[in-house]
Amino acid sequence: VQLVESGGGLVQPGGSLRLSCAASGFTFSSYAMSWYRQVPGKQRQLVAGINSDGGSSNYADSVKGRFTISRDNAKNTVSLQMNSLKLEDTAVYYCYARHWADVYWGQGTQVTVSS
């Protein structure tokens, strides 16, 4: 099983980034997918989630209206479009897959918002 994130980097406040997560080794279309983020010294927190068929999504209040989660079950990918980035969005972003008791994490990708 692999979840490989990409797309992180350094961006100025107000800018945009698109994170992608490529999944392999499990039946991707059966899994709900989420993005979490974590800063040093704090707990990992949910950013956005999407159900297995992509028909339903949810967001942390702090990113509503700025971030959009989407998935492509044909390509086994989930993405996070991040617009209007703020300094406080700086974190390591993790891809997460869940189906009942089966959960998988990616290795994370760093997003740094700085002027």
N, C-alpha and C. Protein backbone atom coordinates (compact mmCIF):
# COMPACT_ATOMS: atom_id res chain seq x y z
N VAL A 1 0.85 -1.20 0.00
CA VAL A 1 0.00 0.00 0.00
C VAL A 1 0.88 1.24 0.00
N GLN A 2 0.55 2.17 -0.87
CA GLN A 2 1.29 3.43 -0.91
C GLN A 2 0.35 4.60 -1.12
N LEU A 3 0.63 5.67 -0.39
CA LEU A 3 0.01 6.97 -0.62
C LEU A 3 1.17 7.95 -0.78
N VAL A 4 1.30 8.52 -1.95
CA VAL A 4 2.43 9.39 -2.23
C VAL A 4 1.93 10.79 -2.56
N GLU A 5 2.24 11.72 -1.65
CA GLU A 5 1.83 13.10 -1.84
C GLU A 5 2.84 13.86 -2.68
N SER A 6 2.36 14.85 -3.38
CA SER A 6 3.22 15.74 -4.15
C SER A 6 2.56 17.10 -4.25
N GLY A 7 3.35 18.09 -4.66
CA GLY A 7 2.80 19.42 -4.91
C GLY A 7 3.06 20.44 -3.84
N GLY A 8 3.67 20.03 -2.74
CA GLY A 8 3.99 20.99 -1.70
C GLY A 8 5.10 21.94 -2.13
N GLY A 9 5.32 22.96 -1.32
CA GLY A 9 6.38 23.90 -1.63
C GLY A 9 6.21 25.20 -0.90
N LEU A 10 6.94 26.20 -1.37
CA LEU A 10 6.92 27.53 -0.77
C LEU A 10 6.05 28.45 -1.63
N VAL A 11 5.16 29.17 -0.98
CA VAL A 11 4.26 30.06 -1.70
C VAL A 11 4.03 31.31 -0.86
N GLN A 12 3.79 32.42 -1.52
CA GLN A 12 3.52 33.67 -0.81
C GLN A 12 2.08 33.72 -0.33
N PRO A 13 1.82 34.48 0.71
CA PRO A 13 0.43 34.65 1.14
C PRO A 13 -0.44 35.12 -0.01
N GLY A 14 -1.63 34.54 -0.08
CA GLY A 14 -2.54 34.84 -1.18
C GLY A 14 -2.37 33.96 -2.39
N GLY A 15 -1.32 33.18 -2.41
CA GLY A 15 -1.05 32.31 -3.54
C GLY A 15 -1.82 31.01 -3.48
N SER A 16 -1.53 30.14 -4.43
CA SER A 16 -2.22 28.85 -4.55
C SER A 16 -1.24 27.71 -4.71
N LEU A 17 -1.67 26.57 -4.26
CA LEU A 17 -0.94 25.31 -4.48
C LEU A 17 -1.96 24.21 -4.69
N ARG A 18 -1.55 23.20 -5.43
CA ARG A 18 -2.40 22.03 -5.60
C ARG A 18 -1.62 20.80 -5.15
N LEU A 19 -2.12 20.14 -4.13
CA LEU A 19 -1.52 18.90 -3.65
C LEU A 19 -2.20 17.71 -4.31
N SER A 20 -1.42 16.71 -4.59
CA SER A 20 -1.95 15.47 -5.14
C SER A 20 -1.47 14.29 -4.32
N CYS A 21 -2.27 13.26 -4.30
CA CYS A 21 -1.92 12.01 -3.59
C CYS A 21 -2.22 10.86 -4.53
N ALA A 22 -1.20 10.10 -4.86
CA ALA A 22 -1.36 8.93 -5.72
C ALA A 22 -1.41 7.69 -4.85
N ALA A 23 -2.46 6.90 -5.04
CA ALA A 23 -2.69 5.72 -4.21
C ALA A 23 -2.43 4.45 -5.01
N SER A 24 -1.93 3.44 -4.32
CA SER A 24 -1.73 2.14 -4.95
C SER A 24 -1.75 1.06 -3.89
N GLY A 25 -2.09 -0.15 -4.33
CA GLY A 25 -2.03 -1.28 -3.43
C GLY A 25 -3.32 -1.59 -2.67
N PHE A 26 -4.37 -0.84 -2.95
CA PHE A 26 -5.66 -1.11 -2.34
C PHE A 26 -6.75 -0.62 -3.28
N THR A 27 -7.99 -0.98 -2.97
CA THR A 27 -9.12 -0.62 -3.83
C THR A 27 -9.53 0.82 -3.52
N PHE A 28 -8.90 1.73 -4.22
CA PHE A 28 -9.03 3.16 -3.93
C PHE A 28 -10.49 3.60 -3.91
N SER A 29 -11.29 3.13 -4.83
CA SER A 29 -12.66 3.61 -4.96
C SER A 29 -13.56 3.20 -3.80
N SER A 30 -13.05 2.33 -2.92
CA SER A 30 -13.82 1.91 -1.75
C SER A 30 -13.50 2.73 -0.51
N TYR A 31 -12.50 3.58 -0.62
CA TYR A 31 -11.98 4.29 0.55
C TYR A 31 -12.39 5.76 0.54
N ALA A 32 -12.79 6.23 1.71
CA ALA A 32 -12.90 7.66 1.92
C ALA A 32 -11.49 8.22 2.03
N MET A 33 -11.30 9.40 1.50
CA MET A 33 -9.97 10.02 1.49
C MET A 33 -10.02 11.37 2.19
N SER A 34 -8.92 11.70 2.82
CA SER A 34 -8.86 12.97 3.54
C SER A 34 -7.47 13.56 3.43
N TRP A 35 -7.41 14.84 3.70
CA TRP A 35 -6.14 15.53 3.88
C TRP A 35 -6.11 16.04 5.33
N TYR A 36 -4.98 15.79 5.98
CA TYR A 36 -4.72 16.31 7.31
C TYR A 36 -3.48 17.19 7.23
N ARG A 37 -3.29 17.99 8.26
CA ARG A 37 -2.06 18.76 8.34
C ARG A 37 -1.58 18.82 9.78
N GLN A 38 -0.29 19.05 9.90
CA GLN A 38 0.31 19.07 11.23
C GLN A 38 1.46 20.06 11.26
N VAL A 39 1.49 20.83 12.35
CA VAL A 39 2.62 21.71 12.61
C VAL A 39 3.35 21.18 13.83
N PRO A 40 4.63 21.47 13.96
CA PRO A 40 5.40 20.94 15.09
C PRO A 40 4.77 21.29 16.43
N GLY A 41 4.66 20.29 17.28
CA GLY A 41 4.14 20.51 18.61
C GLY A 41 2.63 20.47 18.72
N LYS A 42 1.97 20.26 17.61
CA LYS A 42 0.50 20.23 17.63
C LYS A 42 -0.02 18.93 17.04
N GLN A 43 -1.26 18.62 17.37
CA GLN A 43 -1.88 17.41 16.84
C GLN A 43 -2.20 17.56 15.36
N ARG A 44 -2.18 16.46 14.69
CA ARG A 44 -2.60 16.44 13.29
C ARG A 44 -4.09 16.77 13.25
N GLN A 45 -4.46 17.62 12.31
CA GLN A 45 -5.86 18.02 12.23
C GLN A 45 -6.42 17.80 10.82
N LEU A 46 -7.70 17.49 10.79
CA LEU A 46 -8.37 17.26 9.52
C LEU A 46 -8.53 18.58 8.76
N VAL A 47 -8.17 18.56 7.50
CA VAL A 47 -8.34 19.72 6.63
C VAL A 47 -9.58 19.55 5.76
N ALA A 48 -9.67 18.40 5.09
CA ALA A 48 -10.79 18.15 4.19
C ALA A 48 -10.93 16.66 3.97
N GLY A 49 -12.16 16.21 3.73
CA GLY A 49 -12.42 14.81 3.46
C GLY A 49 -13.41 14.66 2.33
N ILE A 50 -13.35 13.51 1.67
CA ILE A 50 -14.27 13.22 0.57
C ILE A 50 -14.65 11.75 0.64
N ASN A 51 -15.90 11.45 0.36
CA ASN A 51 -16.32 10.05 0.47
C ASN A 51 -15.85 9.25 -0.74
N SER A 52 -16.17 7.97 -0.74
CA SER A 52 -15.56 7.06 -1.71
C SER A 52 -15.93 7.36 -3.16
N ASP A 53 -17.16 7.85 -3.40
CA ASP A 53 -17.54 8.13 -4.78
C ASP A 53 -17.42 9.60 -5.15
N GLY A 54 -16.92 10.39 -4.22
CA GLY A 54 -16.71 11.81 -4.49
C GLY A 54 -17.96 12.66 -4.39
N GLY A 55 -19.05 12.08 -3.92
CA GLY A 55 -20.30 12.82 -3.87
C GLY A 55 -20.48 13.71 -2.66
N SER A 56 -19.62 13.55 -1.68
CA SER A 56 -19.75 14.33 -0.45
C SER A 56 -18.38 14.71 0.07
N SER A 57 -18.25 15.94 0.53
CA SER A 57 -16.99 16.40 1.08
C SER A 57 -17.25 17.27 2.30
N ASN A 58 -16.21 17.41 3.10
CA ASN A 58 -16.32 18.26 4.28
C ASN A 58 -14.99 18.96 4.50
N TYR A 59 -15.05 20.09 5.19
CA TYR A 59 -13.87 20.93 5.36
C TYR A 59 -13.78 21.46 6.79
N ALA A 60 -12.56 21.68 7.22
CA ALA A 60 -12.35 22.42 8.46
C ALA A 60 -12.82 23.86 8.23
N ASP A 61 -13.36 24.45 9.28
CA ASP A 61 -13.86 25.83 9.16
C ASP A 61 -12.78 26.78 8.66
N SER A 62 -11.55 26.51 9.06
CA SER A 62 -10.46 27.42 8.73
C SER A 62 -10.11 27.45 7.24
N VAL A 63 -10.58 26.45 6.49
CA VAL A 63 -10.23 26.40 5.06
C VAL A 63 -11.44 26.48 4.14
N LYS A 64 -12.62 26.51 4.71
CA LYS A 64 -13.84 26.56 3.89
C LYS A 64 -13.82 27.78 2.98
N GLY A 65 -14.17 27.54 1.72
CA GLY A 65 -14.18 28.62 0.74
C GLY A 65 -12.84 28.87 0.10
N ARG A 66 -11.78 28.28 0.62
CA ARG A 66 -10.44 28.48 0.07
C ARG A 66 -9.86 27.18 -0.51
N PHE A 67 -10.17 26.06 0.11
CA PHE A 67 -9.63 24.77 -0.30
C PHE A 67 -10.73 23.92 -0.93
N THR A 68 -10.35 23.10 -1.88
CA THR A 68 -11.28 22.19 -2.51
C THR A 68 -10.63 20.82 -2.66
N ILE A 69 -11.32 19.81 -2.14
CA ILE A 69 -10.84 18.44 -2.28
C ILE A 69 -11.57 17.77 -3.43
N SER A 70 -10.87 16.94 -4.18
CA SER A 70 -11.49 16.21 -5.28
C SER A 70 -10.76 14.88 -5.44
N ARG A 71 -11.38 13.97 -6.15
CA ARG A 71 -10.76 12.67 -6.38
C ARG A 71 -11.08 12.18 -7.78
N ASP A 72 -10.21 11.33 -8.28
CA ASP A 72 -10.39 10.68 -9.57
C ASP A 72 -10.22 9.19 -9.35
N ASN A 73 -11.31 8.48 -9.28
CA ASN A 73 -11.23 7.04 -8.99
C ASN A 73 -10.65 6.25 -10.16
N ALA A 74 -10.68 6.79 -11.33
CA ALA A 74 -10.08 6.12 -12.48
C ALA A 74 -8.56 6.19 -12.42
N LYS A 75 -8.04 7.25 -11.81
CA LYS A 75 -6.59 7.44 -11.72
C LYS A 75 -6.05 7.17 -10.33
N ASN A 76 -6.91 6.82 -9.39
CA ASN A 76 -6.49 6.55 -8.01
C ASN A 76 -5.76 7.74 -7.40
N THR A 77 -6.35 8.90 -7.58
CA THR A 77 -5.73 10.10 -7.02
C THR A 77 -6.75 10.94 -6.28
N VAL A 78 -6.25 11.65 -5.29
CA VAL A 78 -7.04 12.65 -4.58
C VAL A 78 -6.22 13.93 -4.54
N SER A 79 -6.90 15.05 -4.70
CA SER A 79 -6.20 16.33 -4.78
C SER A 79 -6.78 17.33 -3.79
N LEU A 80 -5.96 18.31 -3.48
CA LEU A 80 -6.40 19.40 -2.62
C LEU A 80 -5.96 20.70 -3.29
N GLN A 81 -6.91 21.45 -3.81
CA GLN A 81 -6.63 22.75 -4.38
C GLN A 81 -6.71 23.78 -3.26
N MET A 82 -5.60 24.49 -3.06
CA MET A 82 -5.52 25.45 -1.96
C MET A 82 -5.32 26.84 -2.53
N ASN A 83 -6.30 27.69 -2.33
CA ASN A 83 -6.25 29.07 -2.81
C ASN A 83 -6.22 30.04 -1.63
N SER A 84 -5.84 31.26 -1.92
CA SER A 84 -5.80 32.31 -0.88
C SER A 84 -5.07 31.85 0.36
N LEU A 85 -3.91 31.28 0.15
CA LEU A 85 -3.16 30.70 1.26
C LEU A 85 -2.73 31.74 2.26
N LYS A 86 -2.75 31.34 3.51
CA LYS A 86 -2.39 32.21 4.63
C LYS A 86 -1.16 31.66 5.34
N LEU A 87 -0.52 32.51 6.12
CA LEU A 87 0.65 32.08 6.87
C LEU A 87 0.33 30.87 7.73
N GLU A 88 -0.86 30.87 8.30
CA GLU A 88 -1.24 29.79 9.21
C GLU A 88 -1.57 28.47 8.51
N ASP A 89 -1.53 28.46 7.19
CA ASP A 89 -1.69 27.20 6.46
C ASP A 89 -0.37 26.43 6.37
N THR A 90 0.69 27.03 6.82
CA THR A 90 1.98 26.35 6.82
C THR A 90 1.93 25.10 7.69
N ALA A 91 2.28 23.96 7.10
CA ALA A 91 2.21 22.68 7.81
C ALA A 91 2.73 21.58 6.89
N VAL A 92 2.87 20.41 7.47
CA VAL A 92 3.04 19.20 6.65
C VAL A 92 1.65 18.64 6.39
N TYR A 93 1.36 18.40 5.13
CA TYR A 93 0.05 17.91 4.72
C TYR A 93 0.15 16.42 4.41
N TYR A 94 -0.80 15.67 4.97
CA TYR A 94 -0.82 14.22 4.84
C TYR A 94 -2.08 13.74 4.13
N CYS A 95 -1.90 12.78 3.29
CA CYS A 95 -3.01 12.08 2.65
C CYS A 95 -3.41 10.90 3.53
N TYR A 96 -4.71 10.64 3.62
CA TYR A 96 -5.23 9.62 4.54
C TYR A 96 -6.34 8.86 3.84
N ALA A 97 -6.30 7.55 3.96
CA ALA A 97 -7.33 6.69 3.37
C ALA A 97 -7.97 5.85 4.47
N ARG A 98 -9.28 5.70 4.40
CA ARG A 98 -9.97 4.90 5.41
C ARG A 98 -11.13 4.13 4.80
N HIS A 99 -11.18 2.85 5.19
CA HIS A 99 -12.33 1.99 4.83
C HIS A 99 -12.56 1.08 6.02
N TRP A 100 -13.60 1.34 6.76
CA TRP A 100 -13.86 0.63 8.00
C TRP A 100 -12.63 0.74 8.89
N ALA A 101 -12.04 -0.37 9.29
CA ALA A 101 -10.90 -0.32 10.21
C ALA A 101 -9.56 -0.19 9.50
N ASP A 102 -9.56 -0.23 8.20
CA ASP A 102 -8.33 -0.09 7.43
C ASP A 102 -8.02 1.38 7.20
N VAL A 103 -6.86 1.80 7.68
CA VAL A 103 -6.44 3.19 7.48
C VAL A 103 -5.01 3.22 6.98
N TYR A 104 -4.72 4.18 6.11
CA TYR A 104 -3.38 4.35 5.57
C TYR A 104 -3.04 5.84 5.56
N TRP A 105 -1.76 6.10 5.77
CA TRP A 105 -1.24 7.47 5.75
C TRP A 105 -0.14 7.59 4.71
N GLY A 106 -0.07 8.76 4.11
CA GLY A 106 1.06 9.08 3.28
C GLY A 106 2.20 9.61 4.14
N GLN A 107 3.31 9.93 3.48
CA GLN A 107 4.50 10.36 4.20
C GLN A 107 4.51 11.86 4.46
N GLY A 108 3.63 12.58 3.80
CA GLY A 108 3.49 14.01 4.03
C GLY A 108 4.26 14.85 3.03
N THR A 109 3.76 16.06 2.82
CA THR A 109 4.44 17.03 1.96
C THR A 109 4.37 18.40 2.64
N GLN A 110 5.48 19.10 2.63
CA GLN A 110 5.57 20.37 3.33
C GLN A 110 4.97 21.50 2.49
N VAL A 111 4.12 22.27 3.13
CA VAL A 111 3.60 23.50 2.54
C VAL A 111 4.04 24.65 3.43
N THR A 112 4.74 25.60 2.84
CA THR A 112 5.20 26.76 3.59
C THR A 112 4.66 28.02 2.92
N VAL A 113 3.92 28.79 3.69
CA VAL A 113 3.39 30.06 3.21
C VAL A 113 4.18 31.17 3.89
N SER A 114 4.91 31.92 3.09
CA SER A 114 5.80 32.93 3.65
C SER A 114 6.05 34.03 2.64
N SER A 115 6.19 35.24 3.15
CA SER A 115 6.52 36.35 2.26
C SER A 115 8.04 36.56 2.21
